Amino acid sequence: MKRVVVVGGGELVHLDLMRIKPEQDFIITADAGLLPLVEAGITPHLAVGDFDTLGLDRLTWLKKLGIPFIQLPFEKGMTDLHFAVEEALKVEPDEVVILGAYGGARIDHALANIGLLEWIEEQGGKGVIYHHTNRLRLLVAPIKIYLNQEVGYSYVSLLPISRRVEGITTSGMRYPLQNGVLIRGRTLGISNELNERTAHIEIHKGKCLLIESSDHAFNQ
């Protein structure tokens, strides 16, 4: 699999950094997402951003490190992370992995970053967001997907993006659905659990977020 890992300036812990495979992944950082990587001894292939958070004095530092960078204007029509994801899609990857997408004081950035999963799908790509003990993916019907219990996530939630998500059938879960319907703004699809080694989700109409979560950190 050809992956591009995009690292934003949100919360990052060691578990998040462990998901990066420096020898295999193409790595792009957005603004302050550069710092934790360099501190961990990981050199990105490209750094982008207006560098308002990182600091413009870091541009000289980037040049000394030999890291290619694209400096963006302060006033622009997209976030640094969105621009980084655009650059990621130019590589034509099988998957775009986003780290550091949320956390901290700015919930507006967090929600916008989650929305990038839909934008990636509209461009014909495939995206996934990791944040500590969570994995977020976008499911666009018609689709059938399998989940494995041994991955380590304890909970599975389906959060509608479209007004309605219809024809949902699941198996291998504590609370199964048979041709069910989820409606945006309601919470029926939250906190399901796998009770078999392998489970499946099938959706016939609509878009929703698939969020796999755990109460405790684990190594994937």
C-alpha atoms as a PDB file:
ATOM      1  CA  MET A   1       0.000   0.000   0.000  1.00  0.00           C
ATOM      2  CA  LYS A   2       1.254   3.451  -0.939  1.00  0.00           C
ATOM      3  CA  ARG A   3       0.394   5.788   1.943  1.00  0.00           C
ATOM      4  CA  VAL A   4       0.816   9.481   2.520  1.00  0.00           C
ATOM      5  CA  VAL A   5       0.854  10.513   6.167  1.00  0.00           C
ATOM      6  CA  VAL A   6      -0.224  14.098   6.834  1.00  0.00           C
ATOM      7  CA  VAL A   7       0.618  15.452  10.283  1.00  0.00           C
ATOM      8  CA  GLY A   8      -1.253  18.480  11.605  1.00  0.00           C
ATOM      9  CA  GLY A   9      -0.521  20.682  14.573  1.00  0.00           C
ATOM     10  CA  GLY A  10      -3.052  19.082  16.939  1.00  0.00           C
ATOM     11  CA  GLU A  11      -2.453  16.649  19.764  1.00  0.00           C
ATOM     12  CA  LEU A  12       0.099  13.922  19.115  1.00  0.00           C
ATOM     13  CA  VAL A  13       1.343  11.228  21.464  1.00  0.00           C
ATOM     14  CA  HIS A  14       3.886   8.461  21.031  1.00  0.00           C
ATOM     15  CA  LEU A  15       1.154   6.046  19.929  1.00  0.00           C
ATOM     16  CA  ASP A  16       0.269   8.354  17.043  1.00  0.00           C
ATOM     17  CA  LEU A  17       3.884   8.651  15.914  1.00  0.00           C
ATOM     18  CA  MET A  18       4.236   4.859  16.020  1.00  0.00           C
ATOM     19  CA  ARG A  19       1.729   4.654  13.171  1.00  0.00           C
ATOM     20  CA  ILE A  20       4.223   6.305  10.836  1.00  0.00           C
ATOM     21  CA  LYS A  21       6.475   4.052   8.763  1.00  0.00           C
ATOM     22  CA  PRO A  22       9.299   6.398   7.753  1.00  0.00           C
ATOM     23  CA  GLU A  23      10.852   3.905   5.325  1.00  0.00           C
ATOM     24  CA  GLN A  24       7.582   3.415   3.436  1.00  0.00           C
ATOM     25  CA  ASP A  25       5.325   6.444   3.901  1.00  0.00           C
ATOM     26  CA  PHE A  26       5.463   9.767   2.112  1.00  0.00           C
ATOM     27  CA  ILE A  27       5.213  12.279   4.980  1.00  0.00           C
ATOM     28  CA  ILE A  28       3.823  15.811   4.830  1.00  0.00           C
ATOM     29  CA  THR A  29       3.540  18.149   7.812  1.00  0.00           C
ATOM     30  CA  ALA A  30       1.208  21.117   8.217  1.00  0.00           C
ATOM     31  CA  ASP A  31       2.700  24.036  10.161  1.00  0.00           C
ATOM     32  CA  ALA A  32       3.406  22.999  13.793  1.00  0.00           C
ATOM     33  CA  GLY A  33       2.977  19.310  12.912  1.00  0.00           C
ATOM     34  CA  LEU A  34       6.640  19.421  11.903  1.00  0.00           C
ATOM     35  CA  LEU A  35       8.042  19.806  15.440  1.00  0.00           C
ATOM     36  CA  PRO A  36       7.018  16.493  17.054  1.00  0.00           C
ATOM     37  CA  LEU A  37       8.264  14.604  14.008  1.00  0.00           C
ATOM     38  CA  VAL A  38      11.692  16.201  14.008  1.00  0.00           C
ATOM     39  CA  GLU A  39      11.921  15.701  17.775  1.00  0.00           C
ATOM     40  CA  ALA A  40      11.146  12.006  17.214  1.00  0.00           C
ATOM     41  CA  GLY A  41      13.862  11.755  14.569  1.00  0.00           C
ATOM     42  CA  ILE A  42      11.433  11.521  11.637  1.00  0.00           C
ATOM     43  CA  THR A  43      12.178  13.723   8.625  1.00  0.00           C
ATOM     44  CA  PRO A  44       9.161  14.633   6.492  1.00  0.00           C
ATOM     45  CA  HIS A  45       9.343  14.801   2.714  1.00  0.00           C
ATOM     46  CA  LEU A  46       7.494  18.125   2.653  1.00  0.00           C
ATOM     47  CA  ALA A  47       6.458  20.822   5.156  1.00  0.00           C
ATOM     48  CA  VAL A  48       3.662  23.247   4.307  1.00  0.00           C
ATOM     49  CA  GLY A  49       1.957  26.090   6.122  1.00  0.00           C
ATOM     50  CA  ASP A  50       1.907  29.799   6.799  1.00  0.00           C
ATOM     51  CA  PHE A  51       4.070  28.893   9.809  1.00  0.00           C
ATOM     52  CA  ASP A  52       2.255  31.301  12.107  1.00  0.00           C
ATOM     53  CA  THR A  53       2.198  28.648  14.831  1.00  0.00           C
ATOM     54  CA  LEU A  54       5.607  27.196  14.073  1.00  0.00           C
ATOM     55  CA  GLY A  55       7.207  30.631  13.735  1.00  0.00           C
ATOM     56  CA  LEU A  56       8.673  32.252  10.642  1.00  0.00           C
ATOM     57  CA  ASP A  57      12.158  32.036  12.164  1.00  0.00           C
ATOM     58  CA  ARG A  58      11.859  28.281  11.653  1.00  0.00           C
ATOM     59  CA  LEU A  59      12.112  28.703   7.876  1.00  0.00           C
ATOM     60  CA  THR A  60      15.875  29.107   8.129  1.00  0.00           C
ATOM     61  CA  TRP A  61      15.906  26.027  10.332  1.00  0.00           C
ATOM     62  CA  LEU A  62      13.959  24.095   7.680  1.00  0.00           C
ATOM     63  CA  LYS A  63      16.486  25.065   5.050  1.00  0.00           C
ATOM     64  CA  LYS A  64      19.353  23.870   7.256  1.00  0.00           C
ATOM     65  CA  LEU A  65      17.589  20.541   7.775  1.00  0.00           C
ATOM     66  CA  GLY A  66      17.135  20.211   4.028  1.00  0.00           C
ATOM     67  CA  ILE A  67      13.371  19.731   4.310  1.00  0.00           C
ATOM     68  CA  PRO A  68      11.467  21.026   1.257  1.00  0.00           C
ATOM     69  CA  PHE A  69       8.705  23.423   2.262  1.00  0.00           C
ATOM     70  CA  ILE A  70       5.886  25.486   0.789  1.00  0.00           C
ATOM     71  CA  GLN A  71       5.166  28.729   2.598  1.00  0.00           C
ATOM     72  CA  LEU A  72       1.509  29.711   2.396  1.00  0.00           C
ATOM     73  CA  PRO A  73       0.065  33.202   2.844  1.00  0.00           C
ATOM     74  CA  PHE A  74      -1.542  34.066   6.175  1.00  0.00           C
ATOM     75  CA  GLU A  75      -4.773  34.975   4.419  1.00  0.00           C
ATOM     76  CA  LYS A  76      -6.075  32.056   2.368  1.00  0.00           C
ATOM     77  CA  GLY A  77      -9.232  30.101   1.630  1.00  0.00           C
ATOM     78  CA  MET A  78      -8.214  26.845   3.337  1.00  0.00           C
ATOM     79  CA  THR A  79      -6.375  25.612   6.393  1.00  0.00           C
ATOM     80  CA  ASP A  80      -2.755  24.488   6.352  1.00  0.00           C
ATOM     81  CA  LEU A  81      -3.890  20.909   6.885  1.00  0.00           C
ATOM     82  CA  HIS A  82      -6.307  21.091   3.964  1.00  0.00           C
ATOM     83  CA  PHE A  83      -3.477  22.315   1.724  1.00  0.00           C
ATOM     84  CA  ALA A  84      -1.280  19.476   2.986  1.00  0.00           C
ATOM     85  CA  VAL A  85      -3.999  16.960   2.099  1.00  0.00           C
ATOM     86  CA  GLU A  86      -4.225  18.484  -1.390  1.00  0.00           C
ATOM     87  CA  GLU A  87      -0.490  17.917  -1.764  1.00  0.00           C
ATOM     88  CA  ALA A  88      -0.928  14.375  -0.481  1.00  0.00           C
ATOM     89  CA  LEU A  89      -3.448  13.525  -3.204  1.00  0.00           C
ATOM     90  CA  LYS A  90      -0.979  14.655  -5.876  1.00  0.00           C
ATOM     91  CA  VAL A  91       1.105  11.609  -4.936  1.00  0.00           C
ATOM     92  CA  GLU A  92      -1.911   9.438  -5.909  1.00  0.00           C
ATOM     93  CA  PRO A  93      -1.757   7.312  -2.748  1.00  0.00           C
ATOM     94  CA  ASP A  94      -3.895   4.328  -1.882  1.00  0.00           C
ATOM     95  CA  GLU A  95      -4.596   5.991   1.462  1.00  0.00           C
ATOM     96  CA  VAL A  96      -4.114   9.343   3.189  1.00  0.00           C
ATOM     97  CA  VAL A  97      -3.468   8.956   6.920  1.00  0.00           C
ATOM     98  CA  ILE A  98      -4.082  12.093   8.977  1.00  0.00           C
ATOM     99  CA  LEU A  99      -2.514  12.584  12.404  1.00  0.00           C
ATOM    100  CA  GLY A 100      -2.706  15.602  14.699  1.00  0.00           C
ATOM    101  CA  ALA A 101      -6.109  16.520  13.307  1.00  0.00           C
ATOM    102  CA  TYR A 102      -7.682  17.715  16.534  1.00  0.00           C
ATOM    103  CA  GLY A 103      -7.197  18.503  20.179  1.00  0.00           C
ATOM    104  CA  GLY A 104      -6.440  21.689  22.020  1.00  0.00           C
ATOM    105  CA  ALA A 105      -8.631  24.774  22.262  1.00  0.00           C
ATOM    106  CA  ARG A 106      -9.932  25.045  18.675  1.00  0.00           C
ATOM    107  CA  ILE A 107     -12.939  22.802  18.059  1.00  0.00           C
ATOM    108  CA  ASP A 108     -13.608  24.596  14.750  1.00  0.00           C
ATOM    109  CA  HIS A 109     -10.358  23.220  13.338  1.00  0.00           C
ATOM    110  CA  ALA A 110     -11.159  19.761  14.686  1.00  0.00           C
ATOM    111  CA  LEU A 111     -14.547  19.638  12.981  1.00  0.00           C
ATOM    112  CA  ALA A 112     -13.137  21.032   9.741  1.00  0.00           C
ATOM    113  CA  ASN A 113     -10.378  18.415   9.767  1.00  0.00           C
ATOM    114  CA  ILE A 114     -12.864  15.577  10.241  1.00  0.00           C
ATOM    115  CA  GLY A 115     -14.787  17.016   7.305  1.00  0.00           C
ATOM    116  CA  LEU A 116     -11.682  16.531   5.143  1.00  0.00           C
ATOM    117  CA  LEU A 117     -12.496  12.823   5.033  1.00  0.00           C
ATOM    118  CA  GLU A 118     -15.520  13.669   2.892  1.00  0.00           C
ATOM    119  CA  TRP A 119     -13.474  16.029   0.726  1.00  0.00           C
ATOM    120  CA  ILE A 120     -10.862  13.321   0.146  1.00  0.00           C
ATOM    121  CA  GLU A 121     -13.599  10.892  -0.896  1.00  0.00           C
ATOM    122  CA  GLU A 122     -15.023  13.461  -3.325  1.00  0.00           C
ATOM    123  CA  GLN A 123     -11.581  13.683  -4.962  1.00  0.00           C
ATOM    124  CA  GLY A 124     -11.562   9.918  -5.447  1.00  0.00           C
ATOM    125  CA  GLY A 125      -9.222   9.216  -2.534  1.00  0.00           C
ATOM    126  CA  LYS A 126      -9.374   7.260   0.695  1.00  0.00           C
ATOM    127  CA  GLY A 127      -8.666   8.870   4.051  1.00  0.00           C
ATOM    128  CA  VAL A 128      -8.394   7.865   7.689  1.00  0.00           C
ATOM    129  CA  ILE A 129      -7.822   9.912  10.846  1.00  0.00           C
ATOM    130  CA  TYR A 130      -6.031   8.494  13.887  1.00  0.00           C
ATOM    131  CA  HIS A 131      -6.090  10.228  17.252  1.00  0.00           C
ATOM    132  CA  HIS A 132      -4.606   8.281  20.155  1.00  0.00           C
ATOM    133  CA  THR A 133      -7.244   5.601  20.738  1.00  0.00           C
ATOM    134  CA  ASN A 134      -9.567   6.428  17.865  1.00  0.00           C
ATOM    135  CA  ARG A 135      -9.761   5.655  14.163  1.00  0.00           C
ATOM    136  CA  LEU A 136     -12.158   7.597  11.931  1.00  0.00           C
ATOM    137  CA  ARG A 137     -13.177   6.604   8.420  1.00  0.00           C
ATOM    138  CA  LEU A 138     -15.917   7.705   6.039  1.00  0.00           C
ATOM    139  CA  LEU A 139     -18.336   5.086   4.728  1.00  0.00           C
ATOM    140  CA  VAL A 140     -20.126   5.933   1.490  1.00  0.00           C
ATOM    141  CA  ALA A 141     -22.920   3.617   0.393  1.00  0.00           C
ATOM    142  CA  PRO A 142     -23.222   1.165  -1.136  1.00  0.00           C
ATOM    143  CA  ILE A 143     -20.485  -0.441   0.934  1.00  0.00           C
ATOM    144  CA  LYS A 144     -19.698  -3.539   2.957  1.00  0.00           C
ATOM    145  CA  ILE A 145     -16.803  -3.470   5.402  1.00  0.00           C
ATOM    146  CA  TYR A 146     -15.339  -6.024   7.813  1.00  0.00           C
ATOM    147  CA  LEU A 147     -13.923  -5.263  11.261  1.00  0.00           C
ATOM    148  CA  ASN A 148     -11.561  -7.473  13.248  1.00  0.00           C
ATOM    149  CA  GLN A 149     -11.753  -7.687  17.029  1.00  0.00           C
ATOM    150  CA  GLU A 150      -8.039  -8.312  17.418  1.00  0.00           C
ATOM    151  CA  VAL A 151      -7.206  -4.800  16.191  1.00  0.00           C
ATOM    152  CA  GLY A 152      -7.886  -3.564  19.728  1.00  0.00           C
ATOM    153  CA  TYR A 153     -10.759  -1.109  19.444  1.00  0.00           C
ATOM    154  CA  SER A 154     -13.524  -1.710  21.980  1.00  0.00           C
ATOM    155  CA  TYR A 155     -16.325   0.413  20.543  1.00  0.00           C
ATOM    156  CA  VAL A 156     -17.786   0.987  17.093  1.00  0.00           C
ATOM    157  CA  SER A 157     -19.943   4.025  16.313  1.00  0.00           C
ATOM    158  CA  LEU A 158     -21.734   5.065  13.152  1.00  0.00           C
ATOM    159  CA  LEU A 159     -22.356   8.808  12.941  1.00  0.00           C
ATOM    160  CA  PRO A 160     -24.495   9.949   9.977  1.00  0.00           C
ATOM    161  CA  ILE A 161     -23.111  12.625   7.649  1.00  0.00           C
ATOM    162  CA  SER A 162     -26.053  12.617   5.261  1.00  0.00           C
ATOM    163  CA  ARG A 163     -29.492  13.337   6.711  1.00  0.00           C
ATOM    164  CA  ARG A 164     -30.356   9.631   6.636  1.00  0.00           C
ATOM    165  CA  VAL A 165     -28.261   6.489   6.343  1.00  0.00           C
ATOM    166  CA  GLU A 166     -30.425   3.589   5.230  1.00  0.00           C
ATOM    167  CA  GLY A 167     -30.259  -0.133   4.711  1.00  0.00           C
ATOM    168  CA  ILE A 168     -27.761  -0.741   7.514  1.00  0.00           C
ATOM    169  CA  THR A 169     -27.158  -4.382   8.338  1.00  0.00           C
ATOM    170  CA  THR A 170     -24.537  -5.454  10.849  1.00  0.00           C
ATOM    171  CA  SER A 171     -23.388  -8.757  12.301  1.00  0.00           C
ATOM    172  CA  GLY A 172     -20.902  -9.782  14.961  1.00  0.00           C
ATOM    173  CA  MET A 173     -21.910  -6.868  17.182  1.00  0.00           C
ATOM    174  CA  ARG A 174     -23.611  -6.602  20.534  1.00  0.00           C
ATOM    175  CA  TYR A 175     -26.427  -4.489  19.088  1.00  0.00           C
ATOM    176  CA  PRO A 176     -27.035  -5.712  15.523  1.00  0.00           C
ATOM    177  CA  LEU A 177     -29.080  -3.885  12.913  1.00  0.00           C
ATOM    178  CA  GLN A 178     -31.134  -5.443  10.143  1.00  0.00           C
ATOM    179  CA  ASN A 179     -31.952  -3.024   7.329  1.00  0.00           C
ATOM    180  CA  GLY A 180     -31.776  -0.226   9.921  1.00  0.00           C
ATOM    181  CA  VAL A 181     -31.870   3.556   9.533  1.00  0.00           C
ATOM    182  CA  LEU A 182     -29.723   6.174  11.249  1.00  0.00           C
ATOM    183  CA  ILE A 183     -30.714   9.836  11.236  1.00  0.00           C
ATOM    184  CA  ARG A 184     -28.285  12.730  11.639  1.00  0.00           C
ATOM    185  CA  GLY A 185     -28.723  14.409  15.012  1.00  0.00           C
ATOM    186  CA  ARG A 186     -29.789  11.232  16.786  1.00  0.00           C
ATOM    187  CA  THR A 187     -27.496   8.899  18.703  1.00  0.00           C
ATOM    188  CA  LEU A 188     -28.700   5.392  17.902  1.00  0.00           C
ATOM    189  CA  GLY A 189     -25.426   4.386  16.264  1.00  0.00           C
ATOM    190  CA  ILE A 190     -23.098   5.313  19.145  1.00  0.00           C
ATOM    191  CA  SER A 191     -21.022   2.869  21.224  1.00  0.00           C
ATOM    192  CA  ASN A 192     -21.719  -0.519  19.707  1.00  0.00           C
ATOM    193  CA  GLU A 193     -19.313  -3.354  20.513  1.00  0.00           C
ATOM    194  CA  LEU A 194     -17.889  -6.326  18.664  1.00  0.00           C
ATOM    195  CA  ASN A 195     -18.862  -9.613  20.290  1.00  0.00           C
ATOM    196  CA  GLU A 196     -17.343 -11.863  17.642  1.00  0.00           C
ATOM    197  CA  ARG A 197     -13.856 -12.086  16.201  1.00  0.00           C
ATOM    198  CA  THR A 198     -15.034 -10.600  12.888  1.00  0.00           C
ATOM    199  CA  ALA A 199     -17.962  -8.257  12.322  1.00  0.00           C
ATOM    200  CA  HIS A 200     -19.371  -6.613   9.225  1.00  0.00           C
ATOM    201  CA  ILE A 201     -21.261  -3.451   8.353  1.00  0.00           C
ATOM    202  CA  GLU A 202     -23.289  -3.100   5.178  1.00  0.00           C
ATOM    203  CA  ILE A 203     -24.915   0.165   4.097  1.00  0.00           C
ATOM    204  CA  HIS A 204     -27.159   0.701   1.065  1.00  0.00           C
ATOM    205  CA  LYS A 205     -27.721   4.479   1.093  1.00  0.00           C
ATOM    206  CA  GLY A 206     -26.056   7.522   2.639  1.00  0.00           C
ATOM    207  CA  LYS A 207     -22.769   8.589   4.204  1.00  0.00           C
ATOM    208  CA  CYS A 208     -21.572   8.130   7.767  1.00  0.00           C
ATOM    209  CA  LEU A 209     -18.452   8.257   9.883  1.00  0.00           C
ATOM    210  CA  LEU A 210     -17.177   4.934  11.195  1.00  0.00           C
ATOM    211  CA  ILE A 211     -15.472   5.653  14.512  1.00  0.00           C
ATOM    212  CA  GLU A 212     -13.586   2.870  16.283  1.00  0.00           C
ATOM    213  CA  SER A 213     -12.516   3.697  19.819  1.00  0.00           C
ATOM    214  CA  SER A 214     -10.849   2.256  22.885  1.00  0.00           C
ATOM    215  CA  ASP A 215     -10.765   3.428  26.493  1.00  0.00           C
ATOM    216  CA  HIS A 216      -7.097   2.539  26.738  1.00  0.00           C
ATOM    217  CA  ALA A 217      -4.064   2.892  24.513  1.00  0.00           C
ATOM    218  CA  PHE A 218      -2.912  -0.159  22.608  1.00  0.00           C
ATOM    219  CA  ASN A 219      -0.285  -0.948  20.003  1.00  0.00           C
ATOM    220  CA  GLN A 220      -1.722  -1.560  16.560  1.00  0.00           C
END
